[in-house]
Amino acid sequence: MIPAGARRVPGRFDPEAGLLGRLGSLDVRLARSAAEVRAAQQLRYRVFYEEMSARPSRLQKMTRRDKDAFDRYCDHLLVIDRDRDGDLSERIVGTYRLMRQEAAELAGGFYTASEFDIAPMLARHKGLTFLELGRSCVLKDYRGKRTVELLWQGIWSYVRKHRVDVLFGCASLAGTDPASLATPLAFLRESSAPPAEWRVRARPERRAPVTPPPAGADQRRALASLPPLLKGYLRLGGHIGEDAVVDRQFGTTDVLVVLPVANIHPRYIEYYGDESGRFLA
């Protein structure tokens, strides 16, 4: 067992990692072994490549896993349905990839840097600790409030343990035509634009053209069309960057989310914090 307060080396696992939350039959915790990470990669493949429109490489088709070079440096948050039939790989119904700043330094950088120029933001806030969130996916039958709440409970427990100051990462809208997404993209820019200190531009070679929304666009419908996790960022006080990037491999249009922990409203801190035992009931 790792002594309390010890810093785990990225790429290693704690086989005794405890639960970070529980709602009904659903548990959330970190992956405890390389086998559990492989199971998370299999879930990602099912969601991204079989259900959605991501384009697998030949190796991904052979292994039926969504895997990249960053996985070994990350912690992997798992939502597990204890009542679901099958082995653990069948009972994992949601996952989120968490990359701490010290792990990114070992990996040669954050994944997000391939789409957005985050270096100026990191340089402006050298005294803060950053955590990148990515590769989020949930099985279709579990994409409801309970699973999203449990994922956020797991993230919040992780943030508190590692004293994270800022959460960030790419959030995706389905589709590779920014013009067809003009209304939700405009809604995000107008409702949650970052102040100068958190402003980040897309890499010039990746920046998608911005198309004005149609006249009379329905803002309410734009909000309703957003993915649940992206709406969660907005509720918590996240900033959405002005630029979008088309990711043709995954069939998405990505925006950058930046959430300083100091922005989170106290009611959410109380809801997800130590005072709320509902997530470990």
Protein backbone atom coordinates (compact mmCIF):
# COMPACT_ATOMS: atom_id res chain seq x y z
CA MET A 1 0.00 0.00 0.00
CA ILE A 2 1.30 3.46 -0.91
CA PRO A 3 1.88 5.56 2.23
CA ALA A 4 -0.52 8.45 2.77
CA GLY A 5 0.72 11.60 1.05
CA ALA A 6 3.16 9.76 -1.23
CA ARG A 7 3.24 10.87 -4.87
CA ARG A 8 2.55 8.02 -7.25
CA VAL A 9 4.88 7.77 -10.24
CA PRO A 10 2.90 8.33 -13.48
CA GLY A 11 2.41 5.04 -15.31
CA ARG A 12 2.18 3.04 -12.08
CA PHE A 13 -1.03 1.93 -10.37
CA ASP A 14 -2.38 1.74 -6.87
CA PRO A 15 -4.11 -1.68 -6.64
CA GLU A 16 -5.86 -0.52 -3.47
CA ALA A 17 -7.24 2.74 -4.86
CA GLY A 18 -10.55 3.29 -3.10
CA LEU A 19 -13.92 4.47 -4.32
CA LEU A 20 -14.29 8.16 -5.11
CA GLY A 21 -18.07 7.97 -5.22
CA ARG A 22 -21.12 5.72 -5.48
CA LEU A 23 -24.67 6.29 -6.73
CA GLY A 24 -26.94 3.24 -6.71
CA SER A 25 -25.16 0.46 -8.59
CA LEU A 26 -22.57 2.85 -10.06
CA ASP A 27 -19.07 3.28 -8.59
CA VAL A 28 -16.38 5.74 -9.64
CA ARG A 29 -12.66 5.17 -9.00
CA LEU A 30 -9.28 5.25 -10.71
CA ALA A 31 -8.02 2.32 -12.78
CA ARG A 32 -5.99 -0.02 -10.58
CA SER A 33 -4.01 -1.87 -13.25
CA ALA A 34 -2.88 -1.86 -16.86
CA ALA A 35 -5.67 -4.37 -17.58
CA GLU A 36 -8.27 -1.86 -16.39
CA VAL A 37 -6.75 0.84 -18.61
CA ARG A 38 -7.04 -1.56 -21.55
CA ALA A 39 -10.71 -2.06 -20.65
CA ALA A 40 -11.19 1.72 -20.65
CA GLN A 41 -9.52 1.90 -24.08
CA GLN A 42 -11.93 -0.78 -25.32
CA LEU A 43 -14.87 1.29 -24.09
CA ARG A 44 -13.46 4.35 -25.84
CA TYR A 45 -13.20 2.34 -29.07
CA ARG A 46 -16.83 1.20 -28.79
CA VAL A 47 -18.08 4.75 -28.27
CA PHE A 48 -15.75 6.74 -30.54
CA TYR A 49 -15.26 4.31 -33.43
CA GLU A 50 -18.31 2.04 -33.45
CA GLU A 51 -21.07 4.34 -32.24
CA MET A 52 -19.69 7.70 -33.36
CA SER A 53 -17.74 8.63 -36.48
CA ALA A 54 -14.06 8.40 -35.46
CA ARG A 55 -11.73 6.79 -38.00
CA PRO A 56 -9.60 3.98 -36.57
CA SER A 57 -6.09 3.20 -37.69
CA ARG A 58 -5.24 -0.30 -38.84
CA LEU A 59 -3.76 -1.08 -35.42
CA GLN A 60 -6.86 0.22 -33.64
CA LYS A 61 -9.06 -1.98 -35.83
CA MET A 62 -6.94 -4.99 -34.90
CA THR A 63 -6.83 -4.29 -31.14
CA ARG A 64 -10.30 -2.67 -30.88
CA ARG A 65 -8.81 -0.14 -28.47
CA ASP A 66 -8.54 3.65 -28.59
CA LYS A 67 -4.97 4.13 -27.43
CA ASP A 68 -2.34 6.83 -27.78
CA ALA A 69 1.10 7.68 -26.37
CA PHE A 70 -0.37 9.83 -23.57
CA ASP A 71 -2.34 7.00 -21.93
CA ARG A 72 0.64 5.63 -20.02
CA TYR A 73 1.22 8.99 -18.31
CA CYS A 74 -2.38 9.51 -17.24
CA ASP A 75 -4.73 8.39 -14.52
CA HIS A 76 -7.94 6.87 -15.84
CA LEU A 77 -11.23 7.54 -14.07
CA LEU A 78 -13.74 4.69 -14.38
CA VAL A 79 -17.48 4.47 -13.79
CA ILE A 80 -18.41 0.85 -13.09
CA ASP A 81 -21.90 -0.65 -12.94
CA ARG A 82 -21.73 -3.42 -10.34
CA ASP A 83 -25.06 -4.88 -11.54
CA ARG A 84 -24.05 -5.19 -15.18
CA ASP A 85 -23.39 -8.72 -16.49
CA GLY A 86 -19.96 -9.80 -17.65
CA ASP A 87 -16.39 -9.24 -16.53
CA LEU A 88 -14.97 -5.85 -15.54
CA SER A 89 -14.43 -4.80 -19.17
CA GLU A 90 -18.21 -5.14 -19.68
CA ARG A 91 -19.08 -3.35 -16.43
CA ILE A 92 -17.06 -0.18 -17.17
CA VAL A 93 -19.66 2.22 -18.57
CA GLY A 94 -17.78 5.54 -18.46
CA THR A 95 -14.23 6.85 -18.38
CA TYR A 96 -12.28 10.12 -18.26
CA ARG A 97 -8.55 10.60 -18.73
CA LEU A 98 -6.71 12.80 -16.22
CA MET A 99 -3.22 14.18 -16.88
CA ARG A 100 -1.42 16.13 -14.18
CA GLN A 101 1.16 18.75 -15.03
CA GLU A 102 4.06 16.69 -13.71
CA ALA A 103 2.98 13.78 -15.92
CA ALA A 104 2.73 16.10 -18.94
CA GLU A 105 6.32 17.16 -18.36
CA LEU A 106 7.38 13.51 -18.58
CA ALA A 107 5.23 12.97 -21.67
CA GLY A 108 6.65 15.99 -23.48
CA GLY A 109 3.54 18.12 -23.13
CA PHE A 110 -0.23 18.03 -22.90
CA TYR A 111 -2.42 16.43 -25.57
CA THR A 112 -4.37 19.71 -25.88
CA ALA A 113 -1.26 21.46 -27.24
CA SER A 114 -1.75 19.63 -30.55
CA GLU A 115 -4.87 21.76 -31.14
CA PHE A 116 -4.53 24.89 -29.01
CA ASP A 117 -1.57 27.12 -28.16
CA ILE A 118 -1.74 26.68 -24.39
CA ALA A 119 1.92 27.63 -23.71
CA PRO A 120 1.18 31.35 -23.09
CA MET A 121 -1.57 30.45 -20.60
CA LEU A 122 0.72 28.09 -18.70
CA ALA A 123 3.46 30.73 -18.67
CA ARG A 124 1.09 33.40 -17.30
CA HIS A 125 0.16 31.15 -14.38
CA LYS A 126 3.44 29.48 -13.40
CA GLY A 127 2.44 29.26 -9.75
CA LEU A 128 -0.72 27.25 -10.46
CA THR A 129 -1.18 23.50 -10.93
CA PHE A 130 -2.99 22.40 -14.09
CA LEU A 131 -4.94 19.21 -14.79
CA GLU A 132 -5.91 18.20 -18.32
CA LEU A 133 -9.19 16.31 -18.79
CA GLY A 134 -9.79 14.36 -21.96
CA ARG A 135 -11.03 11.24 -23.76
CA SER A 136 -14.34 11.35 -21.89
CA CYS A 137 -16.95 8.83 -22.95
CA VAL A 138 -20.02 7.13 -21.53
CA LEU A 139 -22.06 4.25 -22.97
CA LYS A 140 -25.25 5.47 -24.63
CA ASP A 141 -27.61 3.87 -22.09
CA TYR A 142 -25.78 5.62 -19.22
CA ARG A 143 -25.66 9.20 -20.60
CA GLY A 144 -27.78 10.73 -17.90
CA LYS A 145 -27.47 13.02 -14.92
CA ARG A 146 -26.36 10.32 -12.49
CA THR A 147 -23.33 9.19 -14.50
CA VAL A 148 -22.23 12.77 -15.23
CA GLU A 149 -22.58 13.69 -11.54
CA LEU A 150 -20.52 10.67 -10.55
CA LEU A 151 -17.77 11.57 -13.02
CA TRP A 152 -17.65 15.09 -11.58
CA GLN A 153 -17.51 13.68 -8.05
CA GLY A 154 -14.51 11.57 -9.06
CA ILE A 155 -12.81 14.55 -10.69
CA TRP A 156 -13.47 16.76 -7.66
CA SER A 157 -11.98 14.16 -5.28
CA TYR A 158 -8.92 13.96 -7.53
CA VAL A 159 -8.63 17.76 -7.69
CA ARG A 160 -8.67 18.02 -3.89
CA LYS A 161 -6.16 15.21 -3.41
CA HIS A 162 -3.64 16.70 -5.86
CA ARG A 163 -4.35 20.35 -5.03
CA VAL A 164 -5.20 21.23 -8.62
CA ASP A 165 -5.83 24.91 -9.39
CA VAL A 166 -7.02 24.78 -13.00
CA LEU A 167 -8.89 22.20 -15.09
CA PHE A 168 -8.70 22.39 -18.87
CA GLY A 169 -9.06 20.34 -22.02
CA CYS A 170 -10.75 19.96 -25.37
CA ALA A 171 -14.54 19.54 -25.43
CA SER A 172 -16.14 18.15 -28.57
CA LEU A 173 -19.25 18.84 -30.61
CA ALA A 174 -20.28 16.12 -33.05
CA GLY A 175 -19.57 16.98 -36.68
CA THR A 176 -16.74 18.43 -38.75
CA ASP A 177 -18.58 21.32 -40.41
CA PRO A 178 -18.24 24.41 -38.19
CA ALA A 179 -20.85 26.22 -40.31
CA SER A 180 -23.51 23.69 -39.25
CA LEU A 181 -22.46 24.25 -35.61
CA ALA A 182 -22.49 28.05 -35.88
CA THR A 183 -25.33 28.52 -33.38
CA PRO A 184 -23.90 26.46 -30.47
CA LEU A 185 -20.39 27.80 -31.14
CA ALA A 186 -21.69 31.40 -31.04
CA PHE A 187 -23.63 30.63 -27.87
CA LEU A 188 -20.47 29.32 -26.20
CA ARG A 189 -18.41 32.34 -27.27
CA GLU A 190 -21.01 34.82 -26.06
CA SER A 191 -22.01 33.14 -22.79
CA SER A 192 -18.63 32.04 -21.42
CA ALA A 193 -15.85 34.01 -23.10
CA PRO A 194 -12.64 34.01 -21.03
CA PRO A 195 -11.00 37.13 -19.59
CA ALA A 196 -7.62 38.04 -21.04
CA GLU A 197 -5.65 36.05 -18.47
CA TRP A 198 -7.33 32.79 -19.58
CA ARG A 199 -7.54 33.53 -23.29
CA VAL A 200 -6.10 30.81 -25.54
CA ARG A 201 -6.09 30.70 -29.34
CA ALA A 202 -6.13 27.65 -31.55
CA ARG A 203 -2.91 26.74 -33.29
CA PRO A 204 -2.99 28.80 -36.54
CA GLU A 205 -2.77 25.76 -38.77
CA ARG A 206 -5.68 24.10 -36.94
CA ARG A 207 -8.01 27.08 -36.50
CA ALA A 208 -11.41 26.58 -38.14
CA PRO A 209 -13.20 29.52 -39.80
CA VAL A 210 -15.85 31.16 -37.62
CA THR A 211 -19.28 31.38 -39.20
CA PRO A 212 -21.90 33.81 -37.83
CA PRO A 213 -25.05 32.07 -36.56
CA PRO A 214 -28.22 32.37 -38.62
CA ALA A 215 -30.47 35.34 -37.86
CA GLY A 216 -32.91 34.61 -35.07
CA ALA A 217 -30.99 31.55 -33.86
CA ASP A 218 -32.57 29.90 -30.82
CA GLN A 219 -30.11 30.23 -27.92
CA ARG A 220 -32.16 27.91 -25.73
CA ARG A 221 -32.00 25.19 -28.33
CA ALA A 222 -28.27 25.81 -28.70
CA LEU A 223 -27.78 25.20 -24.97
CA ALA A 224 -29.92 22.06 -25.05
CA SER A 225 -27.86 20.64 -27.92
CA LEU A 226 -24.59 20.76 -25.97
CA PRO A 227 -23.11 17.49 -24.63
CA PRO A 228 -23.87 16.95 -20.89
CA LEU A 229 -20.21 17.24 -19.81
CA LEU A 230 -19.80 20.53 -21.66
CA LYS A 231 -22.93 21.87 -19.97
CA GLY A 232 -21.39 20.75 -16.69
CA TYR A 233 -18.33 22.92 -17.35
CA LEU A 234 -20.58 25.92 -17.98
CA ARG A 235 -22.55 25.38 -14.76
CA LEU A 236 -19.33 25.17 -12.76
CA GLY A 237 -17.94 28.43 -14.19
CA GLY A 238 -15.77 27.27 -17.08
CA HIS A 239 -14.52 29.56 -19.85
CA ILE A 240 -14.83 28.52 -23.49
CA GLY A 241 -12.22 29.77 -25.94
CA GLU A 242 -13.26 31.72 -29.03
CA ASP A 243 -11.66 29.35 -31.53
CA ALA A 244 -12.71 25.95 -32.81
CA VAL A 245 -10.61 23.13 -34.24
CA VAL A 246 -11.87 20.37 -36.54
CA ASP A 247 -10.68 16.90 -35.50
CA ARG A 248 -11.27 14.77 -38.56
CA GLN A 249 -10.01 11.56 -36.96
CA PHE A 250 -12.73 11.74 -34.31
CA GLY A 251 -15.37 13.43 -36.46
CA THR A 252 -15.75 16.38 -34.09
CA THR A 253 -15.31 20.12 -33.77
CA ASP A 254 -13.39 20.96 -30.59
CA VAL A 255 -13.37 23.99 -28.31
CA LEU A 256 -11.05 24.68 -25.40
CA VAL A 257 -12.48 24.69 -21.89
CA VAL A 258 -10.61 26.33 -19.00
CA LEU A 259 -12.03 26.03 -15.48
CA PRO A 260 -10.08 27.73 -12.65
CA VAL A 261 -11.06 26.00 -9.42
CA ALA A 262 -11.46 29.45 -7.84
CA ASN A 263 -14.37 30.05 -10.24
CA ILE A 264 -16.44 27.15 -8.93
CA HIS A 265 -19.47 28.38 -7.00
CA PRO A 266 -19.46 27.40 -3.28
CA ARG A 267 -22.75 25.51 -3.69
CA TYR A 268 -21.03 23.05 -6.04
CA ILE A 269 -18.03 22.70 -3.74
CA GLU A 270 -20.41 21.82 -0.92
CA TYR A 271 -22.37 19.48 -3.20
CA TYR A 272 -19.30 17.51 -4.29
CA GLY A 273 -17.12 18.05 -1.22
CA ASP A 274 -16.57 16.27 2.06
CA GLU A 275 -19.84 17.54 3.48
CA SER A 276 -21.82 15.60 0.86
CA GLY A 277 -21.88 11.91 1.78
CA ARG A 278 -24.50 11.07 -0.87
CA PHE A 279 -21.82 10.00 -3.34
CA LEU A 280 -20.46 7.33 -1.02
CA ALA A 281 -23.77 6.05 0.24
